[in-house]
Amino acid sequence: MMAYVYPAVFHLNKDGSYTITYPDLPGCISEGKTLNEAMYMAQSALAQWIRYLEDEGEEIPKSSLIEDIKAKKGEFINYICADIKDAHAVKRTISIPRWLDDKAKFEGLSLSKVLQDTLAERFG
């Protein structure tokens, strides 16, 4: 897992909502109706943008220092962190009792899918 941290500019709109932009990531924009939602959306947008850059083989820009960004009236700047999980499949050898294997085959279950779902639920 890689963690990326970028400064985000939160602009307070007249209706009380927020628009979020990233000076280092032109085009990466999000919105939230409340500050809590805006923080969540900022993290989500950052994660999606970084994944997109990785998938496209594009260079991930270096993050600016927060003190190098000037906020305008009605704005504040905050660091946002996004953890990017590597979703590429890896092969693992596992051992299970034969009776479980027989039962899984009978039920038509994919052991890979069951293991992925179980681990994802456990680790979030």
N, C-alpha and C. Protein backbone atom coordinates (compact mmCIF):
# COMPACT_ATOMS: atom_id res chain seq x y z
N MET A 1 0.85 -1.17 0.00
CA MET A 1 0.00 0.00 0.00
C MET A 1 0.90 1.23 0.00
N MET A 2 0.52 2.18 -0.81
CA MET A 2 1.24 3.45 -0.89
C MET A 2 0.33 4.56 -0.37
N ALA A 3 0.92 5.45 0.40
CA ALA A 3 0.17 6.61 0.89
C ALA A 3 0.65 7.84 0.13
N TYR A 4 -0.30 8.60 -0.37
CA TYR A 4 -0.01 9.84 -1.07
C TYR A 4 -0.64 10.99 -0.29
N VAL A 5 0.11 12.05 -0.10
CA VAL A 5 -0.37 13.22 0.64
C VAL A 5 -0.20 14.45 -0.23
N TYR A 6 -1.31 15.15 -0.43
CA TYR A 6 -1.30 16.36 -1.26
C TYR A 6 -2.10 17.46 -0.56
N PRO A 7 -1.69 18.71 -0.73
CA PRO A 7 -2.50 19.80 -0.22
C PRO A 7 -3.72 20.01 -1.11
N ALA A 8 -4.86 20.20 -0.47
CA ALA A 8 -6.11 20.46 -1.18
C ALA A 8 -6.63 21.83 -0.77
N VAL A 9 -7.21 22.54 -1.73
CA VAL A 9 -7.82 23.83 -1.47
C VAL A 9 -9.33 23.62 -1.35
N PHE A 10 -9.86 24.02 -0.20
CA PHE A 10 -11.30 23.92 0.06
C PHE A 10 -11.88 25.32 -0.08
N HIS A 11 -12.78 25.47 -1.04
CA HIS A 11 -13.43 26.76 -1.27
C HIS A 11 -14.86 26.66 -0.75
N LEU A 12 -15.21 27.55 0.19
CA LEU A 12 -16.56 27.60 0.74
C LEU A 12 -17.47 28.34 -0.23
N ASN A 13 -18.49 27.65 -0.71
CA ASN A 13 -19.45 28.23 -1.65
C ASN A 13 -20.56 28.97 -0.90
N LYS A 14 -21.29 29.80 -1.61
CA LYS A 14 -22.35 30.62 -0.99
C LYS A 14 -23.44 29.77 -0.33
N ASP A 15 -23.66 28.57 -0.85
CA ASP A 15 -24.71 27.71 -0.29
C ASP A 15 -24.21 26.86 0.89
N GLY A 16 -22.96 27.09 1.30
CA GLY A 16 -22.40 26.35 2.43
C GLY A 16 -21.69 25.07 2.03
N SER A 17 -21.72 24.72 0.76
CA SER A 17 -21.01 23.54 0.27
C SER A 17 -19.55 23.91 0.01
N TYR A 18 -18.75 22.90 -0.30
CA TYR A 18 -17.32 23.11 -0.55
C TYR A 18 -16.95 22.54 -1.92
N THR A 19 -16.07 23.25 -2.60
CA THR A 19 -15.43 22.74 -3.81
C THR A 19 -13.97 22.51 -3.47
N ILE A 20 -13.46 21.34 -3.84
CA ILE A 20 -12.09 20.96 -3.50
C ILE A 20 -11.27 20.81 -4.77
N THR A 21 -10.10 21.46 -4.79
CA THR A 21 -9.17 21.32 -5.91
C THR A 21 -7.79 20.98 -5.36
N TYR A 22 -6.98 20.43 -6.22
CA TYR A 22 -5.60 20.08 -5.88
C TYR A 22 -4.65 20.84 -6.82
N PRO A 23 -3.91 21.81 -6.31
CA PRO A 23 -3.01 22.59 -7.17
C PRO A 23 -2.00 21.72 -7.93
N ASP A 24 -1.59 20.60 -7.34
CA ASP A 24 -0.60 19.74 -7.99
C ASP A 24 -1.22 18.76 -8.98
N LEU A 25 -2.54 18.65 -8.98
CA LEU A 25 -3.24 17.68 -9.82
C LEU A 25 -4.35 18.39 -10.60
N PRO A 26 -3.98 19.16 -11.63
CA PRO A 26 -4.98 19.89 -12.40
C PRO A 26 -6.07 18.97 -12.93
N GLY A 27 -7.31 19.37 -12.71
CA GLY A 27 -8.43 18.56 -13.16
C GLY A 27 -9.02 17.69 -12.06
N CYS A 28 -8.29 17.51 -10.97
CA CYS A 28 -8.79 16.72 -9.85
C CYS A 28 -9.64 17.65 -8.98
N ILE A 29 -10.95 17.51 -9.11
CA ILE A 29 -11.89 18.40 -8.44
C ILE A 29 -12.98 17.55 -7.79
N SER A 30 -13.45 17.98 -6.64
CA SER A 30 -14.56 17.30 -5.99
C SER A 30 -15.39 18.32 -5.24
N GLU A 31 -16.50 17.87 -4.68
CA GLU A 31 -17.39 18.73 -3.92
C GLU A 31 -17.98 17.98 -2.75
N GLY A 32 -18.41 18.73 -1.76
CA GLY A 32 -19.12 18.16 -0.62
C GLY A 32 -20.11 19.16 -0.08
N LYS A 33 -21.27 18.67 0.34
CA LYS A 33 -22.31 19.57 0.86
C LYS A 33 -21.97 20.09 2.24
N THR A 34 -21.23 19.29 3.01
CA THR A 34 -20.79 19.69 4.34
C THR A 34 -19.28 19.54 4.41
N LEU A 35 -18.69 20.07 5.46
CA LEU A 35 -17.24 19.93 5.60
C LEU A 35 -16.86 18.46 5.76
N ASN A 36 -17.63 17.74 6.54
CA ASN A 36 -17.36 16.31 6.73
C ASN A 36 -17.40 15.56 5.40
N GLU A 37 -18.43 15.83 4.61
CA GLU A 37 -18.55 15.19 3.30
C GLU A 37 -17.43 15.65 2.37
N ALA A 38 -17.08 16.92 2.45
CA ALA A 38 -16.01 17.45 1.60
C ALA A 38 -14.67 16.76 1.90
N MET A 39 -14.39 16.52 3.17
CA MET A 39 -13.14 15.84 3.54
C MET A 39 -13.13 14.42 2.97
N TYR A 40 -14.26 13.73 3.09
CA TYR A 40 -14.37 12.37 2.55
C TYR A 40 -14.21 12.39 1.03
N MET A 41 -14.90 13.31 0.37
CA MET A 41 -14.84 13.39 -1.08
C MET A 41 -13.45 13.79 -1.57
N ALA A 42 -12.75 14.62 -0.80
CA ALA A 42 -11.39 15.02 -1.17
C ALA A 42 -10.47 13.80 -1.18
N GLN A 43 -10.61 12.95 -0.17
CA GLN A 43 -9.78 11.75 -0.09
C GLN A 43 -10.13 10.78 -1.22
N SER A 44 -11.41 10.61 -1.48
CA SER A 44 -11.86 9.73 -2.54
C SER A 44 -11.36 10.20 -3.91
N ALA A 45 -11.48 11.50 -4.17
CA ALA A 45 -11.03 12.06 -5.45
C ALA A 45 -9.53 11.89 -5.62
N LEU A 46 -8.78 12.11 -4.55
CA LEU A 46 -7.33 11.95 -4.62
C LEU A 46 -6.96 10.51 -4.94
N ALA A 47 -7.58 9.57 -4.26
CA ALA A 47 -7.29 8.15 -4.49
C ALA A 47 -7.61 7.75 -5.93
N GLN A 48 -8.76 8.17 -6.43
CA GLN A 48 -9.16 7.84 -7.79
C GLN A 48 -8.21 8.46 -8.81
N TRP A 49 -7.79 9.68 -8.55
CA TRP A 49 -6.90 10.38 -9.48
C TRP A 49 -5.53 9.68 -9.55
N ILE A 50 -5.00 9.32 -8.38
CA ILE A 50 -3.70 8.64 -8.35
C ILE A 50 -3.80 7.28 -9.04
N ARG A 51 -4.88 6.53 -8.77
CA ARG A 51 -5.07 5.23 -9.44
C ARG A 51 -5.13 5.40 -10.95
N TYR A 52 -5.82 6.44 -11.40
CA TYR A 52 -5.91 6.71 -12.83
C TYR A 52 -4.52 6.97 -13.42
N LEU A 53 -3.74 7.82 -12.75
CA LEU A 53 -2.40 8.11 -13.25
C LEU A 53 -1.55 6.85 -13.31
N GLU A 54 -1.65 6.00 -12.29
CA GLU A 54 -0.90 4.74 -12.26
C GLU A 54 -1.34 3.83 -13.40
N ASP A 55 -2.66 3.68 -13.58
CA ASP A 55 -3.19 2.81 -14.63
C ASP A 55 -2.78 3.27 -16.02
N GLU A 56 -2.67 4.57 -16.20
CA GLU A 56 -2.29 5.13 -17.49
C GLU A 56 -0.77 5.21 -17.68
N GLY A 57 -0.03 4.84 -16.65
CA GLY A 57 1.43 4.89 -16.72
C GLY A 57 1.97 6.30 -16.72
N GLU A 58 1.18 7.24 -16.22
CA GLU A 58 1.61 8.63 -16.18
C GLU A 58 2.40 8.91 -14.91
N GLU A 59 3.24 9.91 -14.98
CA GLU A 59 4.05 10.29 -13.81
C GLU A 59 3.15 10.92 -12.75
N ILE A 60 3.38 10.54 -11.52
CA ILE A 60 2.62 11.12 -10.41
C ILE A 60 3.39 12.35 -9.94
N PRO A 61 2.75 13.53 -10.02
CA PRO A 61 3.45 14.77 -9.67
C PRO A 61 3.88 14.80 -8.21
N LYS A 62 4.94 15.52 -7.96
CA LYS A 62 5.41 15.73 -6.60
C LYS A 62 4.44 16.65 -5.87
N SER A 63 4.25 16.38 -4.60
CA SER A 63 3.35 17.18 -3.78
C SER A 63 4.02 18.48 -3.34
N SER A 64 3.27 19.57 -3.42
CA SER A 64 3.77 20.85 -2.93
C SER A 64 3.71 20.90 -1.41
N LEU A 65 4.44 21.83 -0.86
CA LEU A 65 4.33 22.09 0.57
C LEU A 65 3.12 23.00 0.78
N ILE A 66 2.42 22.75 1.86
CA ILE A 66 1.19 23.51 2.12
C ILE A 66 1.47 25.01 2.26
N GLU A 67 2.65 25.34 2.81
CA GLU A 67 2.96 26.76 3.00
C GLU A 67 3.27 27.49 1.69
N ASP A 68 3.47 26.75 0.60
CA ASP A 68 3.72 27.37 -0.69
C ASP A 68 2.44 27.71 -1.45
N ILE A 69 1.30 27.35 -0.88
CA ILE A 69 0.01 27.61 -1.53
C ILE A 69 -0.72 28.71 -0.76
N LYS A 70 -1.18 29.68 -1.49
CA LYS A 70 -1.86 30.81 -0.87
C LYS A 70 -3.38 30.64 -0.98
N ALA A 71 -4.04 30.70 0.15
CA ALA A 71 -5.50 30.61 0.16
C ALA A 71 -6.09 31.99 -0.11
N LYS A 72 -7.17 31.99 -0.88
CA LYS A 72 -7.90 33.23 -1.14
C LYS A 72 -9.02 33.35 -0.09
N LYS A 73 -9.70 34.47 -0.12
CA LYS A 73 -10.81 34.68 0.81
C LYS A 73 -11.85 33.58 0.60
N GLY A 74 -12.32 32.99 1.69
CA GLY A 74 -13.31 31.92 1.61
C GLY A 74 -12.71 30.55 1.35
N GLU A 75 -11.39 30.45 1.46
CA GLU A 75 -10.71 29.17 1.22
C GLU A 75 -9.84 28.80 2.41
N PHE A 76 -9.59 27.51 2.54
CA PHE A 76 -8.55 27.04 3.44
C PHE A 76 -7.86 25.86 2.77
N ILE A 77 -6.67 25.57 3.23
CA ILE A 77 -5.86 24.51 2.64
C ILE A 77 -5.60 23.45 3.70
N ASN A 78 -5.70 22.21 3.29
CA ASN A 78 -5.48 21.11 4.22
C ASN A 78 -4.81 19.96 3.48
N TYR A 79 -3.93 19.25 4.16
CA TYR A 79 -3.36 18.05 3.55
C TYR A 79 -4.41 16.94 3.53
N ILE A 80 -4.42 16.19 2.44
CA ILE A 80 -5.30 15.03 2.31
C ILE A 80 -4.41 13.83 2.00
N CYS A 81 -4.69 12.73 2.68
CA CYS A 81 -3.93 11.50 2.50
C CYS A 81 -4.83 10.44 1.88
N ALA A 82 -4.31 9.75 0.89
CA ALA A 82 -5.04 8.64 0.27
C ALA A 82 -4.13 7.42 0.24
N ASP A 83 -4.63 6.33 0.75
CA ASP A 83 -3.92 5.05 0.70
C ASP A 83 -4.35 4.32 -0.55
N ILE A 84 -3.39 3.99 -1.39
CA ILE A 84 -3.68 3.31 -2.65
C ILE A 84 -3.25 1.85 -2.50
N LYS A 85 -4.23 0.98 -2.66
CA LYS A 85 -3.97 -0.46 -2.54
C LYS A 85 -3.67 -1.02 -3.92
N ASP A 86 -2.64 -1.84 -4.00
CA ASP A 86 -2.28 -2.52 -5.24
C ASP A 86 -3.26 -3.68 -5.44
N ALA A 87 -4.10 -3.58 -6.46
CA ALA A 87 -5.14 -4.58 -6.69
C ALA A 87 -4.72 -5.68 -7.67
N HIS A 88 -3.45 -5.70 -8.06
CA HIS A 88 -3.00 -6.75 -8.97
C HIS A 88 -3.04 -8.10 -8.27
N ALA A 89 -3.50 -9.12 -8.99
CA ALA A 89 -3.62 -10.46 -8.42
C ALA A 89 -2.23 -11.09 -8.25
N VAL A 90 -2.09 -11.83 -7.17
CA VAL A 90 -0.88 -12.61 -6.92
C VAL A 90 -1.30 -14.05 -6.66
N LYS A 91 -0.46 -14.97 -7.07
CA LYS A 91 -0.74 -16.39 -6.83
C LYS A 91 -0.19 -16.79 -5.48
N ARG A 92 -1.00 -17.53 -4.72
CA ARG A 92 -0.59 -18.06 -3.42
C ARG A 92 -0.98 -19.52 -3.37
N THR A 93 -0.18 -20.31 -2.73
CA THR A 93 -0.51 -21.71 -2.51
C THR A 93 -1.06 -21.84 -1.10
N ILE A 94 -2.24 -22.44 -0.99
CA ILE A 94 -2.84 -22.63 0.32
C ILE A 94 -3.18 -24.10 0.51
N SER A 95 -3.34 -24.49 1.72
CA SER A 95 -3.75 -25.86 2.04
C SER A 95 -5.03 -25.80 2.87
N ILE A 96 -5.99 -26.65 2.48
CA ILE A 96 -7.23 -26.76 3.26
C ILE A 96 -7.56 -28.25 3.38
N PRO A 97 -8.33 -28.63 4.37
CA PRO A 97 -8.72 -30.03 4.49
C PRO A 97 -9.52 -30.48 3.27
N ARG A 98 -9.35 -31.72 2.88
CA ARG A 98 -10.02 -32.26 1.69
C ARG A 98 -11.53 -32.07 1.77
N TRP A 99 -12.11 -32.29 2.98
CA TRP A 99 -13.57 -32.20 3.09
C TRP A 99 -14.07 -30.78 2.76
N LEU A 100 -13.26 -29.75 3.11
CA LEU A 100 -13.64 -28.39 2.75
C LEU A 100 -13.54 -28.17 1.25
N ASP A 101 -12.50 -28.72 0.65
CA ASP A 101 -12.34 -28.60 -0.80
C ASP A 101 -13.50 -29.29 -1.52
N ASP A 102 -13.86 -30.49 -1.05
CA ASP A 102 -14.98 -31.23 -1.65
C ASP A 102 -16.28 -30.44 -1.53
N LYS A 103 -16.51 -29.88 -0.36
CA LYS A 103 -17.73 -29.11 -0.11
C LYS A 103 -17.77 -27.87 -1.01
N ALA A 104 -16.63 -27.17 -1.14
CA ALA A 104 -16.55 -25.98 -1.99
C ALA A 104 -16.83 -26.34 -3.45
N LYS A 105 -16.25 -27.44 -3.91
CA LYS A 105 -16.50 -27.88 -5.30
C LYS A 105 -17.98 -28.20 -5.50
N PHE A 106 -18.58 -28.91 -4.54
CA PHE A 106 -19.99 -29.28 -4.62
C PHE A 106 -20.88 -28.03 -4.70
N GLU A 107 -20.52 -27.00 -3.93
CA GLU A 107 -21.29 -25.75 -3.90
C GLU A 107 -20.96 -24.83 -5.08
N GLY A 108 -19.92 -25.17 -5.84
CA GLY A 108 -19.52 -24.34 -6.97
C GLY A 108 -18.84 -23.05 -6.55
N LEU A 109 -18.20 -23.07 -5.39
CA LEU A 109 -17.53 -21.87 -4.87
C LEU A 109 -16.12 -21.72 -5.44
N SER A 110 -15.75 -20.49 -5.70
CA SER A 110 -14.37 -20.18 -6.07
C SER A 110 -13.61 -19.89 -4.78
N LEU A 111 -12.62 -20.72 -4.47
CA LEU A 111 -11.85 -20.51 -3.25
C LEU A 111 -11.12 -19.17 -3.28
N SER A 112 -10.67 -18.76 -4.44
CA SER A 112 -10.00 -17.46 -4.55
C SER A 112 -10.95 -16.33 -4.18
N LYS A 113 -12.17 -16.40 -4.69
CA LYS A 113 -13.17 -15.37 -4.40
C LYS A 113 -13.54 -15.36 -2.92
N VAL A 114 -13.74 -16.55 -2.34
CA VAL A 114 -14.09 -16.64 -0.92
C VAL A 114 -12.97 -16.06 -0.07
N LEU A 115 -11.73 -16.40 -0.40
CA LEU A 115 -10.59 -15.88 0.36
C LEU A 115 -10.48 -14.36 0.20
N GLN A 116 -10.63 -13.86 -1.02
CA GLN A 116 -10.56 -12.41 -1.24
C GLN A 116 -11.64 -11.67 -0.46
N ASP A 117 -12.87 -12.18 -0.53
CA ASP A 117 -13.98 -11.54 0.18
C ASP A 117 -13.76 -11.54 1.69
N THR A 118 -13.29 -12.67 2.20
CA THR A 118 -13.06 -12.80 3.64
C THR A 118 -11.95 -11.85 4.11
N LEU A 119 -10.84 -11.82 3.36
CA LEU A 119 -9.74 -10.94 3.74
C LEU A 119 -10.12 -9.46 3.60
N ALA A 120 -10.86 -9.14 2.55
CA ALA A 120 -11.30 -7.75 2.36
C ALA A 120 -12.22 -7.32 3.50
N GLU A 121 -13.10 -8.20 3.93
CA GLU A 121 -13.99 -7.88 5.05
C GLU A 121 -13.20 -7.71 6.33
N ARG A 122 -12.21 -8.54 6.52
CA ARG A 122 -11.41 -8.47 7.76
C ARG A 122 -10.54 -7.24 7.81
N PHE A 123 -9.91 -6.89 6.68
CA PHE A 123 -8.96 -5.79 6.67
C PHE A 123 -9.52 -4.48 6.11
N GLY A 124 -10.75 -4.52 5.64
CA GLY A 124 -11.37 -3.27 5.13
C GLY A 124 -10.82 -2.91 3.82
